Amino acid sequence: MINQYSKRFLKGDKVALRKITKEDYQDYFAMEDLMESRLLMNDEIPFPPTERDHEKFLSEINPEKDEYIFGIELKDEKIFIGTISVYAVNWKNGTCHVGVSIGADYQGKGYGTDSMKVLIDFIFNYMNLNKVKLQVFSYNKRAIASYEKCGFFLEGTLREELFRFGSYHDICTMGILRTDWKNTQV
């Protein structure tokens, strides 16, 4: 039984989730430095980050603070293509937030969707949480479609919450419950 689970643990159809190593840092920095990607995932003022900013971010992720980050790699080629994280874990209420970032060359190929499905499985089967939440900018239609494929539902809209491109945009709040996920596993 354990062998059956270990073969697919943190693995999807296309990707595997693993720890981030120092060897990944340069690829991570290059991926996170792309302003187009930053404008899709970060609601702060989009100043270009420094390598020190990236190193500080990675070094401050800490399971003791209920923050977890995985590297995403192509399962067969073993190429680092992005990151996926669990944060703001609320053990009392059984909830958490998630986020994913895929390198520009690997976007639109199903890797983000596959990564999120693997992470959701991990959260429900190993962390024993009941609800996974995320926020996505309303203009990021490709991400919204990916999250819907994973079983997330739109739960609410924060109207005109984000100022980008000279105007205000909505932020969509999405979630998936353990029962939603179990219904897709049949």
N, C-alpha and C. Protein backbone atom coordinates (compact mmCIF):
# COMPACT_ATOMS: atom_id res chain seq x y z
N MET A 1 0.82 -1.20 0.00
CA MET A 1 0.00 0.00 0.00
C MET A 1 0.86 1.27 0.00
N ILE A 2 1.87 1.31 0.86
CA ILE A 2 2.71 2.51 0.93
C ILE A 2 3.46 2.74 -0.38
N ASN A 3 3.88 1.66 -1.03
CA ASN A 3 4.58 1.77 -2.30
C ASN A 3 3.70 2.42 -3.36
N GLN A 4 2.42 2.07 -3.37
CA GLN A 4 1.45 2.64 -4.31
C GLN A 4 1.37 4.16 -4.14
N TYR A 5 1.35 4.62 -2.89
CA TYR A 5 1.26 6.06 -2.63
C TYR A 5 2.58 6.77 -2.89
N SER A 6 3.69 6.14 -2.53
CA SER A 6 4.98 6.81 -2.70
C SER A 6 5.32 7.03 -4.17
N LYS A 7 4.81 6.16 -5.05
CA LYS A 7 5.09 6.33 -6.48
C LYS A 7 4.40 7.57 -7.04
N ARG A 8 3.26 7.95 -6.47
CA ARG A 8 2.55 9.11 -7.02
C ARG A 8 2.58 10.31 -6.07
N PHE A 9 3.25 10.18 -4.92
CA PHE A 9 3.31 11.28 -3.96
C PHE A 9 3.95 12.51 -4.59
N LEU A 10 3.21 13.63 -4.56
CA LEU A 10 3.63 14.92 -5.12
C LEU A 10 3.92 14.84 -6.62
N LYS A 11 3.23 13.95 -7.32
CA LYS A 11 3.41 13.83 -8.77
C LYS A 11 2.07 13.91 -9.47
N GLY A 12 2.06 14.62 -10.57
CA GLY A 12 0.88 14.70 -11.42
C GLY A 12 1.13 13.97 -12.71
N ASP A 13 0.32 14.30 -13.71
CA ASP A 13 0.51 13.70 -15.02
C ASP A 13 1.75 14.25 -15.72
N LYS A 14 2.02 15.54 -15.50
CA LYS A 14 3.10 16.22 -16.22
C LYS A 14 4.22 16.72 -15.33
N VAL A 15 3.91 16.97 -14.05
CA VAL A 15 4.87 17.63 -13.16
C VAL A 15 5.05 16.85 -11.87
N ALA A 16 6.13 17.20 -11.18
CA ALA A 16 6.37 16.73 -9.81
C ALA A 16 6.67 17.95 -8.96
N LEU A 17 6.23 17.92 -7.72
CA LEU A 17 6.55 18.98 -6.76
C LEU A 17 7.71 18.49 -5.89
N ARG A 18 8.64 19.40 -5.61
CA ARG A 18 9.81 19.03 -4.81
C ARG A 18 10.33 20.26 -4.08
N LYS A 19 11.33 20.04 -3.22
CA LYS A 19 11.92 21.18 -2.52
C LYS A 19 12.70 22.04 -3.51
N ILE A 20 12.81 23.32 -3.18
CA ILE A 20 13.61 24.24 -3.98
C ILE A 20 15.04 24.18 -3.47
N THR A 21 15.99 24.08 -4.37
CA THR A 21 17.40 24.01 -4.00
C THR A 21 18.13 25.26 -4.48
N LYS A 22 19.32 25.44 -3.99
CA LYS A 22 20.15 26.58 -4.42
C LYS A 22 20.37 26.56 -5.93
N GLU A 23 20.39 25.37 -6.52
CA GLU A 23 20.59 25.25 -7.96
C GLU A 23 19.42 25.84 -8.74
N ASP A 24 18.26 25.97 -8.09
CA ASP A 24 17.08 26.55 -8.74
C ASP A 24 17.05 28.07 -8.68
N TYR A 25 17.87 28.66 -7.83
CA TYR A 25 17.75 30.09 -7.55
C TYR A 25 17.83 30.96 -8.81
N GLN A 26 18.79 30.72 -9.67
CA GLN A 26 18.93 31.58 -10.85
C GLN A 26 17.72 31.48 -11.77
N ASP A 27 17.21 30.27 -11.95
CA ASP A 27 16.00 30.10 -12.76
C ASP A 27 14.81 30.78 -12.08
N TYR A 28 14.73 30.64 -10.76
CA TYR A 28 13.65 31.29 -10.00
C TYR A 28 13.74 32.81 -10.15
N PHE A 29 14.95 33.36 -9.99
CA PHE A 29 15.13 34.81 -10.11
C PHE A 29 14.71 35.30 -11.49
N ALA A 30 15.13 34.59 -12.52
CA ALA A 30 14.78 34.99 -13.89
C ALA A 30 13.27 34.94 -14.10
N MET A 31 12.63 33.91 -13.59
CA MET A 31 11.18 33.77 -13.73
C MET A 31 10.44 34.89 -12.99
N GLU A 32 10.86 35.17 -11.77
CA GLU A 32 10.19 36.17 -10.95
C GLU A 32 10.52 37.60 -11.38
N ASP A 33 11.58 37.78 -12.15
CA ASP A 33 11.95 39.11 -12.63
C ASP A 33 11.13 39.57 -13.82
N LEU A 34 10.42 38.66 -14.49
CA LEU A 34 9.62 39.05 -15.64
C LEU A 34 8.46 39.93 -15.18
N MET A 35 8.45 41.15 -15.63
CA MET A 35 7.44 42.09 -15.17
C MET A 35 6.03 41.65 -15.58
N GLU A 36 5.90 41.02 -16.73
CA GLU A 36 4.58 40.54 -17.15
C GLU A 36 4.00 39.57 -16.11
N SER A 37 4.84 38.68 -15.61
CA SER A 37 4.39 37.73 -14.58
C SER A 37 4.08 38.44 -13.27
N ARG A 38 4.92 39.38 -12.89
CA ARG A 38 4.71 40.11 -11.63
C ARG A 38 3.38 40.88 -11.66
N LEU A 39 3.02 41.39 -12.82
CA LEU A 39 1.77 42.14 -12.93
C LEU A 39 0.54 41.24 -12.84
N LEU A 40 0.74 39.93 -12.97
CA LEU A 40 -0.36 38.97 -12.87
C LEU A 40 -0.52 38.38 -11.47
N MET A 41 0.51 38.54 -10.62
CA MET A 41 0.44 37.82 -9.35
C MET A 41 0.72 38.66 -8.11
N ASN A 42 1.23 39.84 -8.27
CA ASN A 42 1.64 40.62 -7.11
C ASN A 42 0.88 41.94 -7.11
N ASP A 43 0.18 42.22 -6.02
CA ASP A 43 -0.63 43.45 -5.99
C ASP A 43 0.12 44.66 -5.44
N GLU A 44 1.40 44.50 -5.14
CA GLU A 44 2.19 45.63 -4.66
C GLU A 44 2.63 46.50 -5.83
N ILE A 45 3.27 47.62 -5.52
CA ILE A 45 3.83 48.46 -6.57
C ILE A 45 4.90 47.63 -7.29
N PRO A 46 4.83 47.54 -8.60
CA PRO A 46 5.69 46.60 -9.33
C PRO A 46 7.13 47.10 -9.54
N PHE A 47 7.84 47.33 -8.44
CA PHE A 47 9.25 47.66 -8.55
C PHE A 47 10.02 46.40 -8.91
N PRO A 48 11.05 46.52 -9.75
CA PRO A 48 11.85 45.33 -10.07
C PRO A 48 12.57 44.83 -8.80
N PRO A 49 12.45 43.55 -8.49
CA PRO A 49 13.10 43.01 -7.30
C PRO A 49 14.59 42.78 -7.54
N THR A 50 15.34 42.74 -6.47
CA THR A 50 16.77 42.43 -6.56
C THR A 50 16.97 40.95 -6.22
N GLU A 51 18.16 40.44 -6.49
CA GLU A 51 18.45 39.06 -6.12
C GLU A 51 18.33 38.90 -4.60
N ARG A 52 18.74 39.92 -3.87
CA ARG A 52 18.63 39.86 -2.40
C ARG A 52 17.16 39.76 -1.99
N ASP A 53 16.27 40.48 -2.67
CA ASP A 53 14.83 40.38 -2.38
C ASP A 53 14.35 38.93 -2.57
N HIS A 54 14.76 38.32 -3.67
CA HIS A 54 14.36 36.94 -3.96
C HIS A 54 14.91 35.97 -2.91
N GLU A 55 16.21 36.12 -2.60
CA GLU A 55 16.83 35.24 -1.61
C GLU A 55 16.15 35.39 -0.25
N LYS A 56 15.84 36.62 0.13
CA LYS A 56 15.18 36.87 1.41
C LYS A 56 13.81 36.21 1.43
N PHE A 57 13.06 36.35 0.35
CA PHE A 57 11.74 35.72 0.27
C PHE A 57 11.85 34.21 0.45
N LEU A 58 12.76 33.58 -0.29
CA LEU A 58 12.89 32.12 -0.22
C LEU A 58 13.38 31.68 1.15
N SER A 59 14.28 32.44 1.75
CA SER A 59 14.82 32.03 3.05
C SER A 59 13.82 32.23 4.18
N GLU A 60 12.83 33.10 3.98
CA GLU A 60 11.85 33.35 5.05
C GLU A 60 10.66 32.40 5.02
N ILE A 61 10.51 31.62 3.94
CA ILE A 61 9.44 30.61 3.91
C ILE A 61 9.80 29.58 4.97
N ASN A 62 8.84 29.29 5.85
CA ASN A 62 9.17 28.46 6.99
C ASN A 62 7.95 27.64 7.42
N PRO A 63 8.09 26.31 7.44
CA PRO A 63 6.96 25.49 7.90
C PRO A 63 6.52 25.82 9.33
N GLU A 64 7.42 26.33 10.14
CA GLU A 64 7.04 26.71 11.50
C GLU A 64 6.07 27.89 11.49
N LYS A 65 6.06 28.65 10.40
CA LYS A 65 5.10 29.75 10.24
C LYS A 65 3.94 29.33 9.35
N ASP A 66 3.82 28.02 9.13
CA ASP A 66 2.76 27.47 8.29
C ASP A 66 2.80 28.04 6.88
N GLU A 67 4.00 28.09 6.33
CA GLU A 67 4.23 28.49 4.95
C GLU A 67 5.06 27.40 4.28
N TYR A 68 4.63 26.97 3.11
CA TYR A 68 5.30 25.87 2.42
C TYR A 68 5.41 26.25 0.95
N ILE A 69 6.59 26.04 0.38
CA ILE A 69 6.78 26.31 -1.04
C ILE A 69 7.46 25.11 -1.68
N PHE A 70 6.98 24.76 -2.85
CA PHE A 70 7.54 23.65 -3.61
C PHE A 70 8.06 24.17 -4.94
N GLY A 71 9.11 23.55 -5.43
CA GLY A 71 9.52 23.76 -6.80
C GLY A 71 8.67 22.87 -7.68
N ILE A 72 8.37 23.34 -8.87
CA ILE A 72 7.64 22.54 -9.86
C ILE A 72 8.65 22.13 -10.93
N GLU A 73 8.71 20.84 -11.21
CA GLU A 73 9.59 20.40 -12.29
C GLU A 73 8.84 19.49 -13.24
N LEU A 74 9.24 19.53 -14.48
CA LEU A 74 8.68 18.61 -15.45
C LEU A 74 9.05 17.20 -15.01
N LYS A 75 8.06 16.34 -14.94
CA LYS A 75 8.24 15.02 -14.34
C LYS A 75 9.32 14.19 -15.05
N ASP A 76 9.29 14.17 -16.36
CA ASP A 76 10.24 13.33 -17.10
C ASP A 76 11.58 14.01 -17.32
N GLU A 77 11.56 15.31 -17.63
CA GLU A 77 12.79 16.01 -17.97
C GLU A 77 13.53 16.55 -16.76
N LYS A 78 12.88 16.61 -15.60
CA LYS A 78 13.48 17.12 -14.35
C LYS A 78 13.96 18.57 -14.52
N ILE A 79 13.15 19.39 -15.21
CA ILE A 79 13.47 20.81 -15.43
C ILE A 79 12.61 21.65 -14.50
N PHE A 80 13.23 22.55 -13.75
CA PHE A 80 12.52 23.47 -12.86
C PHE A 80 11.75 24.48 -13.70
N ILE A 81 10.41 24.57 -13.47
CA ILE A 81 9.60 25.49 -14.29
C ILE A 81 8.78 26.48 -13.46
N GLY A 82 8.82 26.37 -12.14
CA GLY A 82 8.03 27.31 -11.35
C GLY A 82 7.95 26.92 -9.89
N THR A 83 7.05 27.62 -9.19
CA THR A 83 6.84 27.36 -7.76
C THR A 83 5.35 27.31 -7.46
N ILE A 84 5.03 26.65 -6.38
CA ILE A 84 3.65 26.59 -5.90
C ILE A 84 3.72 26.57 -4.37
N SER A 85 2.80 27.30 -3.74
CA SER A 85 2.92 27.45 -2.30
C SER A 85 1.60 27.32 -1.58
N VAL A 86 1.72 26.98 -0.30
CA VAL A 86 0.61 26.95 0.66
C VAL A 86 0.99 27.93 1.75
N TYR A 87 0.08 28.81 2.10
CA TYR A 87 0.39 29.78 3.16
C TYR A 87 -0.89 30.16 3.88
N ALA A 88 -0.73 30.94 4.94
CA ALA A 88 -1.87 31.38 5.77
C ALA A 88 -2.72 30.18 6.19
N VAL A 89 -2.04 29.13 6.65
CA VAL A 89 -2.76 27.94 7.11
C VAL A 89 -3.46 28.26 8.43
N ASN A 90 -4.73 27.96 8.48
CA ASN A 90 -5.52 28.14 9.70
C ASN A 90 -5.95 26.73 10.15
N TRP A 91 -5.17 26.17 11.07
CA TRP A 91 -5.41 24.79 11.50
C TRP A 91 -6.74 24.66 12.23
N LYS A 92 -7.13 25.68 12.97
CA LYS A 92 -8.39 25.62 13.73
C LYS A 92 -9.59 25.47 12.79
N ASN A 93 -9.61 26.26 11.73
CA ASN A 93 -10.74 26.26 10.80
C ASN A 93 -10.51 25.40 9.57
N GLY A 94 -9.32 24.83 9.43
CA GLY A 94 -9.05 23.92 8.32
C GLY A 94 -8.96 24.59 6.97
N THR A 95 -8.37 25.80 6.91
CA THR A 95 -8.27 26.53 5.65
C THR A 95 -6.82 26.91 5.35
N CYS A 96 -6.57 27.23 4.10
CA CYS A 96 -5.27 27.75 3.69
C CYS A 96 -5.44 28.53 2.39
N HIS A 97 -4.40 29.25 2.03
CA HIS A 97 -4.32 29.95 0.74
C HIS A 97 -3.23 29.27 -0.09
N VAL A 98 -3.35 29.38 -1.40
CA VAL A 98 -2.35 28.82 -2.30
C VAL A 98 -2.00 29.85 -3.38
N GLY A 99 -0.85 29.65 -3.99
CA GLY A 99 -0.41 30.47 -5.10
C GLY A 99 0.52 29.67 -6.00
N VAL A 100 0.54 30.00 -7.26
CA VAL A 100 1.38 29.29 -8.22
C VAL A 100 2.02 30.29 -9.18
N SER A 101 3.24 30.00 -9.58
CA SER A 101 3.95 30.83 -10.54
C SER A 101 4.71 29.91 -11.50
N ILE A 102 4.38 30.02 -12.78
CA ILE A 102 4.99 29.18 -13.82
C ILE A 102 5.80 30.09 -14.75
N GLY A 103 6.99 29.65 -15.10
CA GLY A 103 7.83 30.40 -16.03
C GLY A 103 7.13 30.65 -17.35
N ALA A 104 7.43 31.78 -17.96
CA ALA A 104 6.74 32.22 -19.18
C ALA A 104 6.79 31.17 -20.30
N ASP A 105 7.91 30.48 -20.46
CA ASP A 105 8.04 29.49 -21.54
C ASP A 105 7.16 28.26 -21.32
N TYR A 106 6.64 28.10 -20.11
CA TYR A 106 5.87 26.90 -19.77
C TYR A 106 4.40 27.19 -19.50
N GLN A 107 3.99 28.43 -19.67
CA GLN A 107 2.60 28.80 -19.43
C GLN A 107 1.71 28.35 -20.60
N GLY A 108 0.44 28.09 -20.28
CA GLY A 108 -0.51 27.71 -21.32
C GLY A 108 -0.38 26.28 -21.80
N LYS A 109 0.35 25.44 -21.04
CA LYS A 109 0.57 24.05 -21.46
C LYS A 109 0.01 23.05 -20.45
N GLY A 110 -0.75 23.55 -19.48
CA GLY A 110 -1.37 22.66 -18.50
C GLY A 110 -0.52 22.35 -17.28
N TYR A 111 0.68 22.90 -17.21
CA TYR A 111 1.55 22.60 -16.07
C TYR A 111 1.03 23.23 -14.77
N GLY A 112 0.49 24.43 -14.85
CA GLY A 112 -0.06 25.07 -13.66
C GLY A 112 -1.26 24.32 -13.13
N THR A 113 -2.15 23.89 -14.02
CA THR A 113 -3.32 23.12 -13.62
C THR A 113 -2.90 21.80 -12.98
N ASP A 114 -1.97 21.10 -13.60
CA ASP A 114 -1.49 19.84 -13.05
C ASP A 114 -0.84 20.06 -11.68
N SER A 115 -0.03 21.11 -11.56
CA SER A 115 0.62 21.43 -10.28
C SER A 115 -0.40 21.70 -9.20
N MET A 116 -1.43 22.47 -9.53
CA MET A 116 -2.44 22.81 -8.54
C MET A 116 -3.22 21.56 -8.10
N LYS A 117 -3.51 20.67 -9.03
CA LYS A 117 -4.20 19.43 -8.66
C LYS A 117 -3.36 18.60 -7.70
N VAL A 118 -2.06 18.54 -7.94
CA VAL A 118 -1.17 17.80 -7.04
C VAL A 118 -1.16 18.46 -5.66
N LEU A 119 -1.08 19.79 -5.63
CA LEU A 119 -1.04 20.50 -4.36
C LEU A 119 -2.35 20.32 -3.59
N ILE A 120 -3.48 20.39 -4.28
CA ILE A 120 -4.77 20.20 -3.62
C ILE A 120 -4.85 18.80 -3.01
N ASP A 121 -4.40 17.79 -3.74
CA ASP A 121 -4.36 16.43 -3.22
C ASP A 121 -3.52 16.38 -1.95
N PHE A 122 -2.37 17.02 -1.96
CA PHE A 122 -1.49 17.06 -0.79
C PHE A 122 -2.19 17.73 0.39
N ILE A 123 -2.84 18.84 0.14
CA ILE A 123 -3.52 19.59 1.21
C ILE A 123 -4.63 18.77 1.84
N PHE A 124 -5.45 18.12 1.04
CA PHE A 124 -6.58 17.37 1.58
C PHE A 124 -6.16 16.00 2.15
N ASN A 125 -5.17 15.36 1.55
CA ASN A 125 -4.78 14.02 2.01
C ASN A 125 -3.66 13.99 3.04
N TYR A 126 -2.87 15.04 3.14
CA TYR A 126 -1.73 15.01 4.06
C TYR A 126 -1.76 16.12 5.10
N MET A 127 -2.35 17.25 4.76
CA MET A 127 -2.47 18.33 5.74
C MET A 127 -3.82 18.27 6.46
N ASN A 128 -4.76 17.52 5.88
CA ASN A 128 -6.08 17.31 6.47
C ASN A 128 -6.85 18.63 6.67
N LEU A 129 -6.77 19.50 5.67
CA LEU A 129 -7.53 20.75 5.71
C LEU A 129 -8.85 20.55 4.98
N ASN A 130 -9.75 21.50 5.14
CA ASN A 130 -11.09 21.38 4.56
C ASN A 130 -11.34 22.33 3.39
N LYS A 131 -10.57 23.42 3.31
CA LYS A 131 -10.83 24.41 2.27
C LYS A 131 -9.53 25.05 1.80
N VAL A 132 -9.42 25.20 0.50
CA VAL A 132 -8.28 25.86 -0.13
C VAL A 132 -8.80 27.12 -0.81
N LYS A 133 -8.12 28.25 -0.56
CA LYS A 133 -8.56 29.53 -1.10
C LYS A 133 -7.43 30.17 -1.92
N LEU A 134 -7.82 31.05 -2.81
CA LEU A 134 -6.85 31.84 -3.56
C LEU A 134 -7.51 33.13 -4.03
N GLN A 135 -6.67 34.06 -4.41
CA GLN A 135 -7.15 35.29 -5.04
C GLN A 135 -6.45 35.44 -6.38
N VAL A 136 -7.20 35.94 -7.36
CA VAL A 136 -6.66 36.10 -8.70
C VAL A 136 -7.22 37.40 -9.28
N PHE A 137 -6.39 38.11 -10.00
CA PHE A 137 -6.83 39.37 -10.62
C PHE A 137 -7.82 39.05 -11.73
N SER A 138 -8.88 39.83 -11.81
CA SER A 138 -9.97 39.54 -12.75
C SER A 138 -9.51 39.52 -14.21
N TYR A 139 -8.45 40.22 -14.54
CA TYR A 139 -7.97 40.25 -15.92
C TYR A 139 -7.08 39.05 -16.26
N ASN A 140 -6.79 38.19 -15.28
CA ASN A 140 -5.96 37.01 -15.52
C ASN A 140 -6.87 35.83 -15.88
N LYS A 141 -7.46 35.92 -17.05
CA LYS A 141 -8.47 34.94 -17.50
C LYS A 141 -7.90 33.53 -17.62
N ARG A 142 -6.67 33.41 -18.05
CA ARG A 142 -6.06 32.08 -18.21
C ARG A 142 -5.93 31.39 -16.85
N ALA A 143 -5.53 32.13 -15.81
CA ALA A 143 -5.42 31.55 -14.47
C ALA A 143 -6.80 31.15 -13.94
N ILE A 144 -7.78 32.00 -14.13
CA ILE A 144 -9.14 31.69 -13.67
C ILE A 144 -9.64 30.40 -14.30
N ALA A 145 -9.41 30.24 -15.60
CA ALA A 145 -9.84 29.01 -16.29
C ALA A 145 -9.11 27.79 -15.71
N SER A 146 -7.83 27.94 -15.41
CA SER A 146 -7.05 26.85 -14.83
C SER A 146 -7.60 26.46 -13.46
N TYR A 147 -7.90 27.45 -12.63
CA TYR A 147 -8.42 27.17 -11.29
C TYR A 147 -9.79 26.49 -11.37
N GLU A 148 -10.60 26.90 -12.32
CA GLU A 148 -11.91 26.26 -12.50
C GLU A 148 -11.74 24.79 -12.91
N LYS A 149 -10.73 24.49 -13.74
CA LYS A 149 -10.46 23.10 -14.12
C LYS A 149 -10.06 22.26 -12.91
N CYS A 150 -9.46 22.91 -11.92
CA CYS A 150 -9.06 22.21 -10.69
C CYS A 150 -10.21 22.05 -9.71
N GLY A 151 -11.35 22.70 -9.98
CA GLY A 151 -12.51 22.56 -9.12
C GLY A 151 -12.82 23.76 -8.24
N PHE A 152 -12.07 24.83 -8.40
CA PHE A 152 -12.33 26.03 -7.62
C PHE A 152 -13.61 26.71 -8.11
N PHE A 153 -14.32 27.33 -7.18
CA PHE A 153 -15.50 28.11 -7.49
C PHE A 153 -15.24 29.57 -7.13
N LEU A 154 -15.83 30.48 -7.89
CA LEU A 154 -15.80 31.89 -7.53
C LEU A 154 -16.65 32.08 -6.28
N GLU A 155 -16.07 32.63 -5.23
CA GLU A 155 -16.79 32.84 -3.98
C GLU A 155 -17.12 34.30 -3.73
N GLY A 156 -16.40 35.17 -4.40
CA GLY A 156 -16.68 36.58 -4.21
C GLY A 156 -15.76 37.44 -5.05
N THR A 157 -16.10 38.71 -5.13
CA THR A 157 -15.32 39.66 -5.90
C THR A 157 -15.04 40.88 -5.05
N LEU A 158 -13.77 41.21 -4.95
CA LEU A 158 -13.36 42.46 -4.30
C LEU A 158 -13.32 43.51 -5.40
N ARG A 159 -14.33 44.35 -5.41
CA ARG A 159 -14.50 45.29 -6.52
C ARG A 159 -13.46 46.41 -6.47
N GLU A 160 -12.86 46.66 -7.63
CA GLU A 160 -11.87 47.73 -7.82
C GLU A 160 -10.83 47.74 -6.71
N GLU A 161 -10.30 46.58 -6.40
CA GLU A 161 -9.34 46.39 -5.32
C GLU A 161 -7.90 46.63 -5.76
N LEU A 162 -7.65 46.59 -7.06
CA LEU A 162 -6.29 46.64 -7.59
C LEU A 162 -6.16 47.76 -8.61
N PHE A 163 -5.12 48.57 -8.47
CA PHE A 163 -4.85 49.63 -9.45
C PHE A 163 -3.70 49.17 -10.34
N ARG A 164 -4.02 48.96 -11.63
CA ARG A 164 -3.04 48.54 -12.63
C ARG A 164 -3.39 49.13 -13.96
N PHE A 165 -2.39 49.44 -14.75
CA PHE A 165 -2.57 49.89 -16.12
C PHE A 165 -3.42 51.16 -16.17
N GLY A 166 -3.33 51.98 -15.12
CA GLY A 166 -4.04 53.26 -15.10
C GLY A 166 -5.49 53.21 -14.69
N SER A 167 -5.97 52.03 -14.24
CA SER A 167 -7.37 51.95 -13.79
C SER A 167 -7.50 50.87 -12.71
N TYR A 168 -8.68 50.81 -12.12
CA TYR A 168 -8.94 49.85 -11.05
C TYR A 168 -9.53 48.56 -11.61
N HIS A 169 -9.15 47.44 -10.98
CA HIS A 169 -9.60 46.11 -11.39
C HIS A 169 -10.08 45.34 -10.18
N ASP A 170 -10.93 44.35 -10.44
CA ASP A 170 -11.44 43.49 -9.38
C ASP A 170 -10.43 42.39 -9.05
N ILE A 171 -10.52 41.88 -7.83
CA ILE A 171 -9.80 40.67 -7.43
C ILE A 171 -10.86 39.62 -7.12
N CYS A 172 -10.71 38.47 -7.74
CA CYS A 172 -11.65 37.36 -7.54
C CYS A 172 -11.13 36.46 -6.43
N THR A 173 -12.03 36.10 -5.53
CA THR A 173 -11.72 35.14 -4.47
C THR A 173 -12.35 33.82 -4.86
N MET A 174 -11.52 32.76 -4.89
CA MET A 174 -11.98 31.45 -5.29
C MET A 174 -11.66 30.45 -4.20
N GLY A 175 -12.43 29.37 -4.14
CA GLY A 175 -12.19 28.35 -3.14
C GLY A 175 -12.65 26.98 -3.60
N ILE A 176 -12.08 25.97 -2.96
CA ILE A 176 -12.50 24.59 -3.18
C ILE A 176 -12.57 23.90 -1.82
N LEU A 177 -13.67 23.22 -1.58
CA LEU A 177 -13.86 22.46 -0.35
C LEU A 177 -13.43 21.02 -0.55
N ARG A 178 -13.09 20.36 0.53
CA ARG A 178 -12.74 18.94 0.47
C ARG A 178 -13.85 18.14 -0.23
N THR A 179 -15.13 18.45 0.08
CA THR A 179 -16.24 17.71 -0.55
C THR A 179 -16.30 17.96 -2.05
N ASP A 180 -16.01 19.20 -2.48
CA ASP A 180 -15.95 19.50 -3.93
C ASP A 180 -14.90 18.61 -4.59
N TRP A 181 -13.74 18.57 -3.97
CA TRP A 181 -12.60 17.83 -4.51
C TRP A 181 -12.91 16.34 -4.55
N LYS A 182 -13.48 15.81 -3.47
CA LYS A 182 -13.80 14.37 -3.42
C LYS A 182 -14.77 14.00 -4.54
N ASN A 183 -15.70 14.89 -4.84
CA ASN A 183 -16.67 14.61 -5.92
C ASN A 183 -16.00 14.53 -7.28
N THR A 184 -14.85 15.17 -7.46
CA THR A 184 -14.14 15.11 -8.74
C THR A 184 -13.23 13.89 -8.82
N GLN A 185 -13.00 13.21 -7.71
CA GLN A 185 -12.07 12.07 -7.66
C GLN A 185 -12.73 10.75 -8.01
N VAL A 186 -14.05 10.77 -8.24
CA VAL A 186 -14.78 9.52 -8.52
C VAL A 186 -14.49 9.02 -9.91
